[in-house]
Amino acid sequence: MYKKIKEVLKLDTVIKLAESNESLDQVSLLKESLIKSTNGEYRYSAIIISPVNENHIWHVLKDNFSSIEDYKKIPIITIDKKINNSVNGLQIPLISSDWYNGGRCAAESIKKKN
């Protein structure tokens, strides 16, 4: 998946993974990624995250994004898990899988092989 993201974006891409699948490790990594550099700019141009716990991530975003202008400086996109509550009026974009059609395609492929 990471190789595909880098290929599609055609930009320098930094992949950071939390030390574990624990939500608090992911929260720490997100907070670290939102720290601005000495010139006041974010170190990254965007963040794509698959939340372990959407509510924990929501709290971090709520504390760091007070307006659409903040979001424009470092867009956040979630994968496969929607952050249900808006973040200070902003709905965080979601990229999700179509598990129903994916399962159907897998079943059809298996059926063709038999």
Foldseek 3Di string as FASTA:
>chain_A
DVVVVCVVVVDDDDDDDFPDLDQVSVLVVVLVQQDPPPVRAGPDQEEEEAHSDLVSVLVSLLVQDQDVVSCNRYPYEYEADFNPDARNPHGRHYHYDPVVVVVVVVVVVVVVVD
